[in-house]
PDB file of N, CA and C in Angstrom:
ATOM      1  N   MET A   1       2.001  -6.653 -12.634  1.00  0.00           N
ATOM      2  CA  MET A   1       2.872  -6.589 -11.478  1.00  0.00           C
ATOM      3  C   MET A   1       2.811  -5.185 -10.877  1.00  0.00           C
ATOM      4  N   ILE A   2       2.985  -5.146  -9.570  1.00  0.00           N
ATOM      5  CA  ILE A   2       3.111  -3.869  -8.877  1.00  0.00           C
ATOM      6  C   ILE A   2       4.395  -3.928  -8.051  1.00  0.00           C
ATOM      7  N   SER A   3       4.871  -2.774  -7.660  1.00  0.00           N
ATOM      8  CA  SER A   3       6.059  -2.706  -6.828  1.00  0.00           C
ATOM      9  C   SER A   3       5.661  -2.176  -5.464  1.00  0.00           C
ATOM     10  N   LEU A   4       5.904  -2.964  -4.427  1.00  0.00           N
ATOM     11  CA  LEU A   4       5.590  -2.566  -3.057  1.00  0.00           C
ATOM     12  C   LEU A   4       6.887  -2.554  -2.274  1.00  0.00           C
ATOM     13  N   LYS A   5       7.329  -1.366  -1.927  1.00  0.00           N
ATOM     14  CA  LYS A   5       8.610  -1.197  -1.233  1.00  0.00           C
ATOM     15  C   LYS A   5       9.744  -1.827  -2.026  1.00  0.00           C
ATOM     16  N   GLY A   6       9.678  -1.737  -3.338  1.00  0.00           N
ATOM     17  CA  GLY A   6      10.721  -2.278  -4.200  1.00  0.00           C
ATOM     18  C   GLY A   6      10.584  -3.755  -4.519  1.00  0.00           C
ATOM     19  N   GLU A   7       9.620  -4.430  -3.894  1.00  0.00           N
ATOM     20  CA  GLU A   7       9.385  -5.859  -4.133  1.00  0.00           C
ATOM     21  C   GLU A   7       8.287  -6.016  -5.182  1.00  0.00           C
ATOM     22  N   GLN A   8       8.502  -6.863  -6.163  1.00  0.00           N
ATOM     23  CA  GLN A   8       7.514  -7.111  -7.202  1.00  0.00           C
ATOM     24  C   GLN A   8       6.442  -8.068  -6.691  1.00  0.00           C
ATOM     25  N   ILE A   9       5.195  -7.669  -6.845  1.00  0.00           N
ATOM     26  CA  ILE A   9       4.058  -8.463  -6.394  1.00  0.00           C
ATOM     27  C   ILE A   9       3.096  -8.622  -7.567  1.00  0.00           C
ATOM     28  N   LYS A  10       2.522  -9.807  -7.687  1.00  0.00           N
ATOM     29  CA  LYS A  10       1.578 -10.062  -8.774  1.00  0.00           C
ATOM     30  C   LYS A  10       0.315  -9.238  -8.563  1.00  0.00           C
ATOM     31  N   TRP A  11      -0.070  -8.492  -9.585  1.00  0.00           N
ATOM     32  CA  TRP A  11      -1.272  -7.671  -9.543  1.00  0.00           C
ATOM     33  C   TRP A  11      -2.469  -8.512  -9.974  1.00  0.00           C
ATOM     34  N   ARG A  12      -3.630  -8.179  -9.408  1.00  0.00           N
ATOM     35  CA  ARG A  12      -4.882  -8.798  -9.855  1.00  0.00           C
ATOM     36  C   ARG A  12      -5.995  -7.759  -9.759  1.00  0.00           C
ATOM     37  N   GLU A  13      -7.007  -7.931 -10.538  1.00  0.00           N
ATOM     38  CA  GLU A  13      -8.147  -7.011 -10.583  1.00  0.00           C
ATOM     39  C   GLU A  13      -8.751  -6.847  -9.198  1.00  0.00           C
ATOM     40  N   GLY A  14      -9.003  -5.598  -8.802  1.00  0.00           N
ATOM     41  CA  GLY A  14      -9.656  -5.319  -7.536  1.00  0.00           C
ATOM     42  C   GLY A  14      -8.740  -5.326  -6.321  1.00  0.00           C
ATOM     43  N   LEU A  15      -7.431  -5.411  -6.530  1.00  0.00           N
ATOM     44  CA  LEU A  15      -6.481  -5.447  -5.414  1.00  0.00           C
ATOM     45  C   LEU A  15      -6.534  -4.126  -4.647  1.00  0.00           C
ATOM     46  N   SER A  16      -6.835  -4.215  -3.347  1.00  0.00           N
ATOM     47  CA  SER A  16      -6.916  -3.018  -2.513  1.00  0.00           C
ATOM     48  C   SER A  16      -5.602  -2.803  -1.768  1.00  0.00           C
ATOM     49  N   VAL A  17      -5.419  -1.600  -1.275  1.00  0.00           N
ATOM     50  CA  VAL A  17      -4.235  -1.296  -0.478  1.00  0.00           C
ATOM     51  C   VAL A  17      -4.189  -2.210   0.736  1.00  0.00           C
ATOM     52  N   ARG A  18      -5.311  -2.362   1.407  1.00  0.00           N
ATOM     53  CA  ARG A  18      -5.343  -3.218   2.603  1.00  0.00           C
ATOM     54  C   ARG A  18      -4.898  -4.642   2.289  1.00  0.00           C
ATOM     55  N   THR A  19      -5.423  -5.219   1.223  1.00  0.00           N
ATOM     56  CA  THR A  19      -5.065  -6.582   0.848  1.00  0.00           C
ATOM     57  C   THR A  19      -3.581  -6.700   0.526  1.00  0.00           C
ATOM     58  N   ALA A  20      -3.043  -5.746  -0.195  1.00  0.00           N
ATOM     59  CA  ALA A  20      -1.612  -5.765  -0.529  1.00  0.00           C
ATOM     60  C   ALA A  20      -0.768  -5.706   0.743  1.00  0.00           C
ATOM     61  N   LEU A  21      -1.170  -4.867   1.686  1.00  0.00           N
ATOM     62  CA  LEU A  21      -0.432  -4.772   2.946  1.00  0.00           C
ATOM     63  C   LEU A  21      -0.544  -6.063   3.757  1.00  0.00           C
ATOM     64  N   GLU A  22      -1.735  -6.660   3.778  1.00  0.00           N
ATOM     65  CA  GLU A  22      -1.933  -7.920   4.501  1.00  0.00           C
ATOM     66  C   GLU A  22      -1.045  -9.020   3.924  1.00  0.00           C
ATOM     67  N   GLU A  23      -0.994  -9.098   2.601  1.00  0.00           N
ATOM     68  CA  GLU A  23      -0.240 -10.165   1.947  1.00  0.00           C
ATOM     69  C   GLU A  23       1.268 -10.013   2.115  1.00  0.00           C
ATOM     70  N   THR A  24       1.718  -8.829   2.459  1.00  0.00           N
ATOM     71  CA  THR A  24       3.150  -8.604   2.654  1.00  0.00           C
ATOM     72  C   THR A  24       3.511  -8.455   4.127  1.00  0.00           C
ATOM     73  N   GLY A  25       2.533  -8.642   5.018  1.00  0.00           N
ATOM     74  CA  GLY A  25       2.792  -8.586   6.449  1.00  0.00           C
ATOM     75  C   GLY A  25       2.929  -7.180   7.002  1.00  0.00           C
ATOM     76  N   LEU A  26       2.511  -6.181   6.244  1.00  0.00           N
ATOM     77  CA  LEU A  26       2.633  -4.793   6.695  1.00  0.00           C
ATOM     78  C   LEU A  26       1.347  -4.240   7.295  1.00  0.00           C
ATOM     79  N   TYR A  27       0.229  -4.950   7.120  1.00  0.00           N
ATOM     80  CA  TYR A  27      -1.032  -4.461   7.656  1.00  0.00           C
ATOM     81  C   TYR A  27      -1.011  -4.567   9.176  1.00  0.00           C
ATOM     82  N   GLY A  28      -1.572  -3.581   9.834  1.00  0.00           N
ATOM     83  CA  GLY A  28      -1.612  -3.566  11.289  1.00  0.00           C
ATOM     84  C   GLY A  28      -0.525  -2.697  11.880  1.00  0.00           C
ATOM     85  N   ARG A  29       0.372  -2.238  11.038  1.00  0.00           N
ATOM     86  CA  ARG A  29       1.426  -1.332  11.485  1.00  0.00           C
ATOM     87  C   ARG A  29       0.993   0.098  11.157  1.00  0.00           C
ATOM     88  N   LEU A  30       1.509   1.037  11.904  1.00  0.00           N
ATOM     89  CA  LEU A  30       1.200   2.441  11.664  1.00  0.00           C
ATOM     90  C   LEU A  30       2.102   2.933  10.534  1.00  0.00           C
ATOM     91  N   VAL A  31       1.524   3.002   9.324  1.00  0.00           N
ATOM     92  CA  VAL A  31       2.305   3.368   8.151  1.00  0.00           C
ATOM     93  C   VAL A  31       1.597   4.419   7.302  1.00  0.00           C
ATOM     94  N   TYR A  32       2.381   5.090   6.487  1.00  0.00           N
ATOM     95  CA  TYR A  32       1.927   6.061   5.483  1.00  0.00           C
ATOM     96  C   TYR A  32       2.072   5.348   4.150  1.00  0.00           C
ATOM     97  N   VAL A  33       1.012   5.361   3.336  1.00  0.00           N
ATOM     98  CA  VAL A  33       1.034   4.663   2.049  1.00  0.00           C
ATOM     99  C   VAL A  33       0.827   5.664   0.915  1.00  0.00           C
ATOM    100  N   ALA A  34       1.663   5.546  -0.106  1.00  0.00           N
ATOM    101  CA  ALA A  34       1.517   6.356  -1.317  1.00  0.00           C
ATOM    102  C   ALA A  34       1.498   5.416  -2.514  1.00  0.00           C
ATOM    103  N   VAL A  35       0.534   5.617  -3.402  1.00  0.00           N
ATOM    104  CA  VAL A  35       0.436   4.841  -4.633  1.00  0.00           C
ATOM    105  C   VAL A  35       0.728   5.788  -5.785  1.00  0.00           C
ATOM    106  N   ASN A  36       1.778   5.480  -6.530  1.00  0.00           N
ATOM    107  CA  ASN A  36       2.235   6.341  -7.623  1.00  0.00           C
ATOM    108  C   ASN A  36       2.428   7.786  -7.153  1.00  0.00           C
ATOM    109  N   GLY A  37       2.967   7.928  -5.949  1.00  0.00           N
ATOM    110  CA  GLY A  37       3.282   9.243  -5.409  1.00  0.00           C
ATOM    111  C   GLY A  37       2.131   9.967  -4.739  1.00  0.00           C
ATOM    112  N   LYS A  38       0.938   9.372  -4.734  1.00  0.00           N
ATOM    113  CA  LYS A  38      -0.237  10.004  -4.134  1.00  0.00           C
ATOM    114  C   LYS A  38      -0.599   9.292  -2.836  1.00  0.00           C
ATOM    115  N   ARG A  39      -0.733  10.062  -1.762  1.00  0.00           N
ATOM    116  CA  ARG A  39      -1.084   9.485  -0.463  1.00  0.00           C
ATOM    117  C   ARG A  39      -2.462   8.826  -0.501  1.00  0.00           C
ATOM    118  N   VAL A  40      -2.552   7.667   0.142  1.00  0.00           N
ATOM    119  CA  VAL A  40      -3.834   6.988   0.315  1.00  0.00           C
ATOM    120  C   VAL A  40      -4.088   6.926   1.811  1.00  0.00           C
ATOM    121  N   ARG A  41      -5.135   7.592   2.247  1.00  0.00           N
ATOM    122  CA  ARG A  41      -5.463   7.633   3.671  1.00  0.00           C
ATOM    123  C   ARG A  41      -5.907   6.259   4.171  1.00  0.00           C
ATOM    124  N   MET A  42      -5.625   5.988   5.431  1.00  0.00           N
ATOM    125  CA  MET A  42      -5.947   4.699   6.025  1.00  0.00           C
ATOM    126  C   MET A  42      -7.431   4.365   5.874  1.00  0.00           C
ATOM    127  N   ARG A  43      -8.290   5.342   6.007  1.00  0.00           N
ATOM    128  CA  ARG A  43      -9.731   5.079   5.897  1.00  0.00           C
ATOM    129  C   ARG A  43     -10.133   4.632   4.485  1.00  0.00           C
ATOM    130  N   ASP A  44      -9.248   4.849   3.501  1.00  0.00           N
ATOM    131  CA  ASP A  44      -9.537   4.473   2.110  1.00  0.00           C
ATOM    132  C   ASP A  44      -8.844   3.182   1.679  1.00  0.00           C
ATOM    133  N   TRP A  45      -8.099   2.543   2.564  1.00  0.00           N
ATOM    134  CA  TRP A  45      -7.342   1.351   2.187  1.00  0.00           C
ATOM    135  C   TRP A  45      -8.215   0.223   1.663  1.00  0.00           C
ATOM    136  N   ASP A  46      -9.429   0.075   2.180  1.00  0.00           N
ATOM    137  CA  ASP A  46     -10.313  -0.999   1.708  1.00  0.00           C
ATOM    138  C   ASP A  46     -10.913  -0.703   0.340  1.00  0.00           C
ATOM    139  N   SER A  47     -11.173   0.549   0.056  1.00  0.00           N
ATOM    140  CA  SER A  47     -11.854   0.908  -1.186  1.00  0.00           C
ATOM    141  C   SER A  47     -10.915   1.316  -2.319  1.00  0.00           C
ATOM    142  N   TYR A  48      -9.684   1.708  -2.010  1.00  0.00           N
ATOM    143  CA  TYR A  48      -8.753   2.146  -3.046  1.00  0.00           C
ATOM    144  C   TYR A  48      -8.217   0.942  -3.804  1.00  0.00           C
ATOM    145  N   ARG A  49      -8.457   0.916  -5.104  1.00  0.00           N
ATOM    146  CA  ARG A  49      -8.000  -0.182  -5.958  1.00  0.00           C
ATOM    147  C   ARG A  49      -6.678   0.202  -6.607  1.00  0.00           C
ATOM    148  N   ILE A  50      -5.706  -0.662  -6.470  1.00  0.00           N
ATOM    149  CA  ILE A  50      -4.375  -0.413  -6.996  1.00  0.00           C
ATOM    150  C   ILE A  50      -4.352  -0.734  -8.492  1.00  0.00           C
ATOM    151  N   PRO A  51      -3.904   0.218  -9.319  1.00  0.00           N
ATOM    152  CA  PRO A  51      -3.841  -0.057 -10.762  1.00  0.00           C
ATOM    153  C   PRO A  51      -2.641  -0.943 -11.098  1.00  0.00           C
ATOM    154  N   ASP A  52      -2.766  -1.685 -12.184  1.00  0.00           N
ATOM    155  CA  ASP A  52      -1.661  -2.518 -12.646  1.00  0.00           C
ATOM    156  C   ASP A  52      -0.450  -1.642 -12.928  1.00  0.00           C
ATOM    157  N   GLY A  53       0.715  -2.099 -12.542  1.00  0.00           N
ATOM    158  CA  GLY A  53       1.944  -1.372 -12.782  1.00  0.00           C
ATOM    159  C   GLY A  53       2.251  -0.295 -11.755  1.00  0.00           C
ATOM    160  N   ALA A  54       1.450  -0.215 -10.707  1.00  0.00           N
ATOM    161  CA  ALA A  54       1.610   0.840  -9.698  1.00  0.00           C
ATOM    162  C   ALA A  54       2.881   0.645  -8.882  1.00  0.00           C
ATOM    163  N   GLU A  55       3.387   1.763  -8.380  1.00  0.00           N
ATOM    164  CA  GLU A  55       4.501   1.744  -7.443  1.00  0.00           C
ATOM    165  C   GLU A  55       3.962   2.208  -6.099  1.00  0.00           C
ATOM    166  N   ILE A  56       4.097   1.355  -5.090  1.00  0.00           N
ATOM    167  CA  ILE A  56       3.554   1.646  -3.779  1.00  0.00           C
ATOM    168  C   ILE A  56       4.709   1.856  -2.804  1.00  0.00           C
ATOM    169  N   ASP A  57       4.677   2.981  -2.141  1.00  0.00           N
ATOM    170  CA  ASP A  57       5.668   3.298  -1.117  1.00  0.00           C
ATOM    171  C   ASP A  57       5.000   3.205   0.242  1.00  0.00           C
ATOM    172  N   VAL A  58       5.681   2.601   1.201  1.00  0.00           N
ATOM    173  CA  VAL A  58       5.165   2.442   2.549  1.00  0.00           C
ATOM    174  C   VAL A  58       6.234   2.952   3.507  1.00  0.00           C
ATOM    175  N   PHE A  59       5.839   3.925   4.322  1.00  0.00           N
ATOM    176  CA  PHE A  59       6.770   4.523   5.269  1.00  0.00           C
ATOM    177  C   PHE A  59       6.206   4.385   6.685  1.00  0.00           C
ATOM    178  N   PRO A  60       7.047   4.023   7.650  1.00  0.00           N
ATOM    179  CA  PRO A  60       6.557   3.967   9.027  1.00  0.00           C
ATOM    180  C   PRO A  60       6.286   5.377   9.535  1.00  0.00           C
ATOM    181  N   MET A  61       5.221   5.516  10.297  1.00  0.00           N
ATOM    182  CA  MET A  61       4.919   6.802  10.904  1.00  0.00           C
ATOM    183  C   MET A  61       5.658   6.860  12.241  1.00  0.00           C
ATOM    184  N   VAL A  62       6.320   7.953  12.455  1.00  0.00           N
ATOM    185  CA  VAL A  62       7.099   8.124  13.680  1.00  0.00           C
ATOM    186  C   VAL A  62       6.354   9.069  14.599  1.00  0.00           C
ATOM    187  N   LEU A  63       6.101   8.609  15.809  1.00  0.00           N
ATOM    188  CA  LEU A  63       5.399   9.416  16.787  1.00  0.00           C
ATOM    189  C   LEU A  63       6.355   9.768  17.912  1.00  0.00           C
ATOM    190  N   GLY A  64       6.120  10.854  18.501  1.00  0.00           N
ATOM    191  CA  GLY A  64       6.972  11.234  19.621  1.00  0.00           C
ATOM    192  C   GLY A  64       6.719  12.659  20.034  1.00  0.00           C
ATOM    193  N   GLY A  65       7.462  13.092  20.994  1.00  0.00           N
ATOM    194  CA  GLY A  65       7.236  14.449  21.446  1.00  0.00           C
ATOM    195  C   GLY A  65       8.451  15.024  22.084  1.00  0.00           C
TER     196      GLY A  65
END
């Protein structure tokens, strides 16, 4: 199991950040993602594999001026 924004999600081998976001309806939004406290850049979402038991934090990016 992994925790995504406090929600428990079933973990599976090879689970990427992008896939986890897609399955929870968060993909396509401008967000900041941290896995176990470490930032994962958007360009790495397809290749970064989430370890079992990970805690994933997702924060909306706020733009403005």
